[in-house]
Amino acid sequence: MEQLSLSKWLKSIAVGIGIIGLIIYLLIVPLWGNDLVQANPNLTNWYWPWLIFIWITGIPCFMVLFEFWKICCEIGKDNSFSKENVNSLKRISQLLVIDSTILFVGNVVLFLLKMNHPGIALIMLFIMFAGIAVAVLSAALSHFVLKACKIKEENELTI
């Protein structure tokens, strides 16, 4: 597969994930929360704190998509092993750690405010673990791309 073709496919995947993310964050989560409040009126006070908390966790996710888009652009330029991609992968790793930290702190705060359920906290722990795992993978990939970038630079200097 050519670099340009691969780049287009990756960009279309990024756009698809972005659209799905917007649908989830802006439509499904508020509707689901509203349904929960309708079924359990005692959860009315939980709706807005949880909705704002979930929206805040979405910010780093969309920032990750932006960094991924920049990587796709570099791939399209046939510049897969570049310092720009190394930096983007590092930022992705940092953003995922930030998102996992926000999830943890938010769950603790909501738990202390007695606005959290133990089942939700367990699900969030799984999501935090997945975020940290992808952050570590992104950091490792950043390291490998940096090594490949250095090898590429050395080969360009050779006659």
N, C-alpha and C. Protein backbone atom coordinates (compact mmCIF):
# COMPACT_ATOMS: atom_id res chain seq x y z
N MET A 1 0.85 -1.18 0.00
CA MET A 1 0.00 0.00 0.00
C MET A 1 0.89 1.24 0.00
N GLU A 2 0.59 2.17 -0.85
CA GLU A 2 1.36 3.40 -0.93
C GLU A 2 1.15 4.25 0.32
N GLN A 3 2.13 5.11 0.57
CA GLN A 3 2.06 5.99 1.73
C GLN A 3 0.84 6.90 1.67
N LEU A 4 0.57 7.46 0.50
CA LEU A 4 -0.56 8.38 0.36
C LEU A 4 -1.89 7.65 0.60
N SER A 5 -1.99 6.46 0.07
CA SER A 5 -3.20 5.66 0.26
C SER A 5 -3.38 5.29 1.73
N LEU A 6 -2.28 4.88 2.35
CA LEU A 6 -2.33 4.55 3.78
C LEU A 6 -2.73 5.76 4.60
N SER A 7 -2.18 6.90 4.25
CA SER A 7 -2.50 8.15 4.95
C SER A 7 -3.98 8.47 4.83
N LYS A 8 -4.54 8.30 3.64
CA LYS A 8 -5.97 8.58 3.44
C LYS A 8 -6.83 7.63 4.28
N TRP A 9 -6.47 6.36 4.31
CA TRP A 9 -7.22 5.40 5.11
C TRP A 9 -7.15 5.75 6.59
N LEU A 10 -5.97 6.09 7.07
CA LEU A 10 -5.81 6.44 8.48
C LEU A 10 -6.58 7.72 8.81
N LYS A 11 -6.56 8.69 7.91
CA LYS A 11 -7.32 9.92 8.14
C LYS A 11 -8.82 9.64 8.17
N SER A 12 -9.29 8.76 7.28
CA SER A 12 -10.72 8.43 7.30
C SER A 12 -11.10 7.71 8.60
N ILE A 13 -10.20 6.89 9.10
CA ILE A 13 -10.45 6.24 10.39
C ILE A 13 -10.51 7.28 11.50
N ALA A 14 -9.59 8.25 11.47
CA ALA A 14 -9.57 9.31 12.48
C ALA A 14 -10.87 10.13 12.43
N VAL A 15 -11.32 10.46 11.23
CA VAL A 15 -12.58 11.21 11.09
C VAL A 15 -13.74 10.38 11.62
N GLY A 16 -13.76 9.09 11.29
CA GLY A 16 -14.82 8.21 11.78
C GLY A 16 -14.84 8.13 13.30
N ILE A 17 -13.66 7.99 13.89
CA ILE A 17 -13.58 7.94 15.35
C ILE A 17 -14.02 9.27 15.95
N GLY A 18 -13.64 10.37 15.32
CA GLY A 18 -14.06 11.68 15.80
C GLY A 18 -15.56 11.86 15.77
N ILE A 19 -16.18 11.44 14.67
CA ILE A 19 -17.64 11.54 14.55
C ILE A 19 -18.33 10.66 15.59
N ILE A 20 -17.84 9.44 15.73
CA ILE A 20 -18.42 8.54 16.73
C ILE A 20 -18.24 9.12 18.14
N GLY A 21 -17.07 9.70 18.40
CA GLY A 21 -16.82 10.32 19.70
C GLY A 21 -17.78 11.46 19.97
N LEU A 22 -18.00 12.31 18.96
CA LEU A 22 -18.95 13.41 19.13
C LEU A 22 -20.36 12.90 19.40
N ILE A 23 -20.76 11.86 18.67
CA ILE A 23 -22.09 11.28 18.89
C ILE A 23 -22.20 10.74 20.31
N ILE A 24 -21.16 10.05 20.76
CA ILE A 24 -21.20 9.48 22.11
C ILE A 24 -21.23 10.59 23.16
N TYR A 25 -20.30 11.55 23.04
CA TYR A 25 -20.19 12.60 24.07
C TYR A 25 -21.35 13.58 24.05
N LEU A 26 -21.86 13.91 22.87
CA LEU A 26 -22.89 14.96 22.80
C LEU A 26 -24.32 14.44 22.72
N LEU A 27 -24.50 13.19 22.33
CA LEU A 27 -25.87 12.66 22.22
C LEU A 27 -26.13 11.48 23.16
N ILE A 28 -25.34 10.44 23.04
CA ILE A 28 -25.64 9.20 23.77
C ILE A 28 -25.48 9.38 25.28
N VAL A 29 -24.36 9.96 25.72
CA VAL A 29 -24.14 10.11 27.17
C VAL A 29 -25.22 11.00 27.81
N PRO A 30 -25.53 12.18 27.23
CA PRO A 30 -26.61 12.97 27.85
C PRO A 30 -27.97 12.26 27.85
N LEU A 31 -28.29 11.57 26.75
CA LEU A 31 -29.57 10.85 26.71
C LEU A 31 -29.59 9.70 27.71
N TRP A 32 -28.49 8.98 27.80
CA TRP A 32 -28.40 7.88 28.75
C TRP A 32 -28.51 8.41 30.18
N GLY A 33 -27.82 9.51 30.46
CA GLY A 33 -27.91 10.12 31.79
C GLY A 33 -29.33 10.59 32.09
N ASN A 34 -29.98 11.16 31.09
CA ASN A 34 -31.36 11.61 31.26
C ASN A 34 -32.29 10.43 31.54
N ASP A 35 -32.06 9.31 30.83
CA ASP A 35 -32.87 8.11 31.08
C ASP A 35 -32.65 7.59 32.50
N LEU A 36 -31.40 7.64 32.98
CA LEU A 36 -31.13 7.20 34.34
C LEU A 36 -31.83 8.09 35.37
N VAL A 37 -31.83 9.39 35.11
CA VAL A 37 -32.50 10.33 36.02
C VAL A 37 -34.01 10.10 35.99
N GLN A 38 -34.57 9.82 34.81
CA GLN A 38 -36.00 9.55 34.71
C GLN A 38 -36.38 8.29 35.48
N ALA A 39 -35.52 7.27 35.39
CA ALA A 39 -35.79 6.00 36.07
C ALA A 39 -35.53 6.10 37.57
N ASN A 40 -34.55 6.92 37.95
CA ASN A 40 -34.17 7.07 39.36
C ASN A 40 -34.11 8.56 39.71
N PRO A 41 -35.23 9.15 40.10
CA PRO A 41 -35.23 10.59 40.38
C PRO A 41 -34.25 11.01 41.49
N ASN A 42 -33.84 10.07 42.33
CA ASN A 42 -32.88 10.40 43.38
C ASN A 42 -31.48 10.69 42.81
N LEU A 43 -31.25 10.40 41.52
CA LEU A 43 -29.97 10.67 40.87
C LEU A 43 -29.94 12.01 40.15
N THR A 44 -30.96 12.81 40.31
CA THR A 44 -31.06 14.09 39.61
C THR A 44 -29.85 14.97 39.88
N ASN A 45 -29.39 15.00 41.12
CA ASN A 45 -28.23 15.84 41.47
C ASN A 45 -26.93 15.33 40.86
N TRP A 46 -26.92 14.12 40.41
CA TRP A 46 -25.71 13.53 39.83
C TRP A 46 -25.55 13.89 38.36
N TYR A 47 -26.61 14.26 37.68
CA TYR A 47 -26.60 14.40 36.22
C TYR A 47 -25.53 15.38 35.73
N TRP A 48 -25.60 16.64 36.15
CA TRP A 48 -24.68 17.64 35.62
C TRP A 48 -23.24 17.43 36.06
N PRO A 49 -22.95 17.08 37.31
CA PRO A 49 -21.55 16.83 37.66
C PRO A 49 -20.94 15.70 36.81
N TRP A 50 -21.72 14.64 36.63
CA TRP A 50 -21.20 13.52 35.83
C TRP A 50 -21.07 13.90 34.36
N LEU A 51 -22.03 14.63 33.83
CA LEU A 51 -21.97 15.01 32.42
C LEU A 51 -20.77 15.92 32.16
N ILE A 52 -20.55 16.90 33.02
CA ILE A 52 -19.39 17.78 32.87
C ILE A 52 -18.09 16.99 33.02
N PHE A 53 -18.05 16.09 33.98
CA PHE A 53 -16.87 15.23 34.18
C PHE A 53 -16.57 14.41 32.93
N ILE A 54 -17.58 13.82 32.35
CA ILE A 54 -17.38 13.00 31.14
C ILE A 54 -16.95 13.87 29.97
N TRP A 55 -17.53 15.06 29.85
CA TRP A 55 -17.11 15.97 28.78
C TRP A 55 -15.65 16.38 28.95
N ILE A 56 -15.22 16.61 30.18
CA ILE A 56 -13.83 16.98 30.43
C ILE A 56 -12.89 15.84 30.02
N THR A 57 -13.30 14.61 30.27
CA THR A 57 -12.46 13.48 29.88
C THR A 57 -12.38 13.34 28.36
N GLY A 58 -13.33 13.91 27.64
CA GLY A 58 -13.30 13.84 26.18
C GLY A 58 -12.29 14.78 25.55
N ILE A 59 -11.93 15.85 26.25
CA ILE A 59 -11.00 16.84 25.67
C ILE A 59 -9.67 16.21 25.30
N PRO A 60 -9.00 15.48 26.21
CA PRO A 60 -7.73 14.85 25.80
C PRO A 60 -7.91 13.83 24.67
N CYS A 61 -9.06 13.18 24.64
CA CYS A 61 -9.30 12.18 23.58
C CYS A 61 -9.30 12.84 22.20
N PHE A 62 -9.95 14.00 22.08
CA PHE A 62 -9.98 14.69 20.80
C PHE A 62 -8.62 15.32 20.47
N MET A 63 -7.86 15.69 21.50
CA MET A 63 -6.51 16.18 21.27
C MET A 63 -5.61 15.06 20.74
N VAL A 64 -5.84 13.83 21.22
CA VAL A 64 -5.12 12.67 20.71
C VAL A 64 -5.44 12.46 19.23
N LEU A 65 -6.71 12.62 18.87
CA LEU A 65 -7.09 12.48 17.45
C LEU A 65 -6.39 13.53 16.59
N PHE A 66 -6.23 14.74 17.11
CA PHE A 66 -5.53 15.79 16.37
C PHE A 66 -4.06 15.39 16.15
N GLU A 67 -3.42 14.87 17.19
CA GLU A 67 -2.03 14.43 17.06
C GLU A 67 -1.93 13.27 16.06
N PHE A 68 -2.91 12.36 16.11
CA PHE A 68 -2.93 11.25 15.16
C PHE A 68 -3.07 11.76 13.73
N TRP A 69 -3.89 12.81 13.55
CA TRP A 69 -4.07 13.41 12.22
C TRP A 69 -2.73 13.93 11.71
N LYS A 70 -1.95 14.58 12.58
CA LYS A 70 -0.64 15.10 12.18
C LYS A 70 0.29 13.96 11.77
N ILE A 71 0.21 12.83 12.47
CA ILE A 71 1.02 11.66 12.10
C ILE A 71 0.59 11.17 10.72
N CYS A 72 -0.71 11.13 10.47
CA CYS A 72 -1.21 10.69 9.16
C CYS A 72 -0.71 11.60 8.05
N CYS A 73 -0.65 12.90 8.31
CA CYS A 73 -0.14 13.84 7.31
C CYS A 73 1.33 13.56 7.00
N GLU A 74 2.12 13.27 8.02
CA GLU A 74 3.53 12.95 7.82
C GLU A 74 3.69 11.65 7.03
N ILE A 75 2.83 10.68 7.32
CA ILE A 75 2.87 9.42 6.56
C ILE A 75 2.55 9.69 5.10
N GLY A 76 1.59 10.56 4.84
CA GLY A 76 1.23 10.92 3.47
C GLY A 76 2.36 11.60 2.72
N LYS A 77 3.24 12.28 3.44
CA LYS A 77 4.40 12.94 2.83
C LYS A 77 5.58 11.98 2.71
N ASP A 78 5.35 10.70 3.00
CA ASP A 78 6.40 9.67 3.01
C ASP A 78 7.51 10.03 4.01
N ASN A 79 7.07 10.51 5.15
CA ASN A 79 7.98 10.93 6.20
C ASN A 79 7.55 10.25 7.51
N SER A 80 7.40 8.93 7.46
CA SER A 80 6.88 8.19 8.61
C SER A 80 7.81 8.26 9.81
N PHE A 81 9.11 8.17 9.55
CA PHE A 81 10.09 8.17 10.63
C PHE A 81 10.70 9.55 10.76
N SER A 82 9.95 10.42 11.45
CA SER A 82 10.38 11.82 11.58
C SER A 82 10.29 12.25 13.04
N LYS A 83 11.01 13.32 13.33
CA LYS A 83 10.96 13.88 14.68
C LYS A 83 9.55 14.39 15.00
N GLU A 84 8.81 14.87 13.99
CA GLU A 84 7.45 15.33 14.21
C GLU A 84 6.57 14.19 14.73
N ASN A 85 6.73 13.00 14.13
CA ASN A 85 5.95 11.85 14.58
C ASN A 85 6.37 11.41 15.97
N VAL A 86 7.67 11.50 16.26
CA VAL A 86 8.15 11.18 17.60
C VAL A 86 7.48 12.10 18.62
N ASN A 87 7.47 13.40 18.32
CA ASN A 87 6.86 14.36 19.24
C ASN A 87 5.36 14.14 19.37
N SER A 88 4.70 13.83 18.26
CA SER A 88 3.25 13.58 18.31
C SER A 88 2.95 12.34 19.15
N LEU A 89 3.75 11.30 18.99
CA LEU A 89 3.54 10.08 19.77
C LEU A 89 3.79 10.34 21.26
N LYS A 90 4.78 11.16 21.57
CA LYS A 90 5.03 11.52 22.97
C LYS A 90 3.84 12.30 23.54
N ARG A 91 3.32 13.24 22.75
CA ARG A 91 2.17 14.02 23.22
C ARG A 91 0.94 13.12 23.40
N ILE A 92 0.76 12.16 22.51
CA ILE A 92 -0.35 11.21 22.66
C ILE A 92 -0.20 10.46 23.97
N SER A 93 1.00 10.00 24.26
CA SER A 93 1.25 9.29 25.51
C SER A 93 0.94 10.18 26.71
N GLN A 94 1.40 11.42 26.67
CA GLN A 94 1.15 12.35 27.77
C GLN A 94 -0.34 12.65 27.93
N LEU A 95 -1.02 12.83 26.82
CA LEU A 95 -2.46 13.12 26.87
C LEU A 95 -3.24 11.95 27.46
N LEU A 96 -2.83 10.73 27.13
CA LEU A 96 -3.52 9.56 27.67
C LEU A 96 -3.27 9.43 29.17
N VAL A 97 -2.07 9.76 29.62
CA VAL A 97 -1.80 9.74 31.06
C VAL A 97 -2.63 10.83 31.75
N ILE A 98 -2.72 12.00 31.13
CA ILE A 98 -3.54 13.08 31.69
C ILE A 98 -5.00 12.66 31.77
N ASP A 99 -5.50 12.02 30.72
CA ASP A 99 -6.89 11.58 30.71
C ASP A 99 -7.14 10.54 31.80
N SER A 100 -6.22 9.61 31.96
CA SER A 100 -6.37 8.60 33.01
C SER A 100 -6.32 9.24 34.39
N THR A 101 -5.48 10.25 34.55
CA THR A 101 -5.41 10.96 35.82
C THR A 101 -6.71 11.70 36.10
N ILE A 102 -7.25 12.35 35.08
CA ILE A 102 -8.53 13.04 35.24
C ILE A 102 -9.61 12.04 35.64
N LEU A 103 -9.63 10.87 35.01
CA LEU A 103 -10.61 9.84 35.36
C LEU A 103 -10.46 9.43 36.82
N PHE A 104 -9.23 9.24 37.26
CA PHE A 104 -9.00 8.80 38.64
C PHE A 104 -9.43 9.88 39.63
N VAL A 105 -8.93 11.10 39.43
CA VAL A 105 -9.24 12.21 40.35
C VAL A 105 -10.74 12.48 40.35
N GLY A 106 -11.35 12.50 39.17
CA GLY A 106 -12.78 12.74 39.09
C GLY A 106 -13.60 11.70 39.81
N ASN A 107 -13.20 10.44 39.68
CA ASN A 107 -13.91 9.38 40.38
C ASN A 107 -13.76 9.50 41.88
N VAL A 108 -12.56 9.85 42.34
CA VAL A 108 -12.35 10.01 43.77
C VAL A 108 -13.20 11.17 44.29
N VAL A 109 -13.18 12.30 43.57
CA VAL A 109 -13.96 13.47 44.00
C VAL A 109 -15.45 13.13 44.02
N LEU A 110 -15.94 12.51 42.96
CA LEU A 110 -17.36 12.15 42.92
C LEU A 110 -17.71 11.12 43.99
N PHE A 111 -16.77 10.23 44.29
CA PHE A 111 -17.00 9.25 45.35
C PHE A 111 -17.08 9.95 46.71
N LEU A 112 -16.18 10.92 46.94
CA LEU A 112 -16.20 11.66 48.21
C LEU A 112 -17.45 12.51 48.35
N LEU A 113 -17.98 12.97 47.22
CA LEU A 113 -19.23 13.74 47.24
C LEU A 113 -20.46 12.84 47.28
N LYS A 114 -20.21 11.52 47.39
CA LYS A 114 -21.27 10.51 47.40
C LYS A 114 -22.12 10.57 46.13
N MET A 115 -21.42 10.79 44.98
CA MET A 115 -22.08 10.82 43.68
C MET A 115 -21.54 9.74 42.76
N ASN A 116 -21.01 8.70 43.33
CA ASN A 116 -20.42 7.63 42.53
C ASN A 116 -20.90 6.29 43.04
N HIS A 117 -20.99 5.36 42.15
CA HIS A 117 -21.40 4.01 42.48
C HIS A 117 -20.18 3.10 42.35
N PRO A 118 -20.02 2.12 43.24
CA PRO A 118 -18.85 1.24 43.15
C PRO A 118 -18.71 0.53 41.79
N GLY A 119 -19.82 0.18 41.17
CA GLY A 119 -19.76 -0.46 39.85
C GLY A 119 -19.18 0.47 38.79
N ILE A 120 -19.59 1.72 38.84
CA ILE A 120 -19.06 2.72 37.91
C ILE A 120 -17.57 2.93 38.17
N ALA A 121 -17.18 2.97 39.44
CA ALA A 121 -15.77 3.15 39.79
C ALA A 121 -14.93 1.99 39.23
N LEU A 122 -15.45 0.77 39.28
CA LEU A 122 -14.72 -0.38 38.74
C LEU A 122 -14.58 -0.28 37.22
N ILE A 123 -15.64 0.15 36.56
CA ILE A 123 -15.57 0.32 35.10
C ILE A 123 -14.54 1.39 34.76
N MET A 124 -14.54 2.48 35.51
CA MET A 124 -13.56 3.55 35.28
C MET A 124 -12.14 3.08 35.52
N LEU A 125 -11.94 2.20 36.50
CA LEU A 125 -10.60 1.65 36.73
C LEU A 125 -10.12 0.86 35.50
N PHE A 126 -11.03 0.11 34.89
CA PHE A 126 -10.68 -0.62 33.68
C PHE A 126 -10.31 0.34 32.55
N ILE A 127 -11.09 1.40 32.41
CA ILE A 127 -10.82 2.39 31.36
C ILE A 127 -9.49 3.09 31.63
N MET A 128 -9.21 3.40 32.91
CA MET A 128 -7.92 4.02 33.26
C MET A 128 -6.76 3.09 32.92
N PHE A 129 -6.91 1.82 33.24
CA PHE A 129 -5.87 0.84 32.92
C PHE A 129 -5.64 0.77 31.41
N ALA A 130 -6.71 0.76 30.64
CA ALA A 130 -6.58 0.72 29.18
C ALA A 130 -5.88 1.98 28.68
N GLY A 131 -6.22 3.13 29.24
CA GLY A 131 -5.57 4.38 28.85
C GLY A 131 -4.08 4.38 29.15
N ILE A 132 -3.72 3.88 30.32
CA ILE A 132 -2.30 3.81 30.69
C ILE A 132 -1.57 2.81 29.79
N ALA A 133 -2.23 1.69 29.48
CA ALA A 133 -1.60 0.69 28.60
C ALA A 133 -1.33 1.29 27.22
N VAL A 134 -2.29 2.01 26.66
CA VAL A 134 -2.08 2.63 25.35
C VAL A 134 -1.04 3.74 25.44
N ALA A 135 -0.97 4.44 26.57
CA ALA A 135 0.05 5.48 26.77
C ALA A 135 1.45 4.86 26.76
N VAL A 136 1.60 3.73 27.42
CA VAL A 136 2.90 3.05 27.43
C VAL A 136 3.25 2.56 26.03
N LEU A 137 2.28 2.01 25.33
CA LEU A 137 2.53 1.56 23.95
C LEU A 137 2.91 2.73 23.05
N SER A 138 2.25 3.86 23.23
CA SER A 138 2.56 5.05 22.44
C SER A 138 3.97 5.55 22.75
N ALA A 139 4.36 5.53 24.02
CA ALA A 139 5.71 5.95 24.40
C ALA A 139 6.75 5.00 23.80
N ALA A 140 6.46 3.70 23.83
CA ALA A 140 7.39 2.73 23.24
C ALA A 140 7.49 2.94 21.73
N LEU A 141 6.37 3.17 21.07
CA LEU A 141 6.38 3.42 19.63
C LEU A 141 7.15 4.70 19.31
N SER A 142 7.01 5.70 20.16
CA SER A 142 7.77 6.93 19.99
C SER A 142 9.27 6.65 20.04
N HIS A 143 9.67 5.81 20.96
CA HIS A 143 11.08 5.44 21.09
C HIS A 143 11.57 4.72 19.83
N PHE A 144 10.76 3.79 19.32
CA PHE A 144 11.16 3.05 18.12
C PHE A 144 11.21 3.95 16.89
N VAL A 145 10.26 4.87 16.77
CA VAL A 145 10.26 5.79 15.64
C VAL A 145 11.48 6.71 15.72
N LEU A 146 11.87 7.11 16.93
CA LEU A 146 13.07 7.93 17.10
C LEU A 146 14.31 7.18 16.64
N LYS A 147 14.42 5.91 17.03
CA LYS A 147 15.56 5.10 16.60
C LYS A 147 15.58 4.96 15.07
N ALA A 148 14.42 4.71 14.49
CA ALA A 148 14.34 4.58 13.03
C ALA A 148 14.68 5.90 12.35
N CYS A 149 14.27 7.00 12.96
CA CYS A 149 14.57 8.33 12.42
C CYS A 149 16.08 8.57 12.42
N LYS A 150 16.74 8.18 13.49
CA LYS A 150 18.20 8.34 13.57
C LYS A 150 18.90 7.48 12.53
N ILE A 151 18.44 6.25 12.35
CA ILE A 151 19.03 5.37 11.34
C ILE A 151 18.81 5.95 9.95
N LYS A 152 17.63 6.48 9.71
CA LYS A 152 17.31 7.10 8.42
C LYS A 152 18.24 8.29 8.15
N GLU A 153 18.46 9.12 9.16
CA GLU A 153 19.36 10.26 9.01
C GLU A 153 20.79 9.82 8.73
N GLU A 154 21.23 8.77 9.41
CA GLU A 154 22.58 8.24 9.17
C GLU A 154 22.72 7.71 7.75
N ASN A 155 21.68 7.02 7.25
CA ASN A 155 21.72 6.47 5.90
C ASN A 155 21.70 7.57 4.85
N GLU A 156 21.05 8.68 5.14
CA GLU A 156 21.01 9.79 4.18
C GLU A 156 22.38 10.45 4.04
N LEU A 157 23.20 10.34 5.09
CA LEU A 157 24.54 10.93 5.06
C LEU A 157 25.55 10.01 4.36
N THR A 158 25.17 8.74 4.18
CA THR A 158 26.08 7.79 3.54
C THR A 158 25.97 7.90 2.02
N ILE A 159 27.09 7.74 1.37
CA ILE A 159 27.10 7.84 -0.11
C ILE A 159 26.75 6.51 -0.71
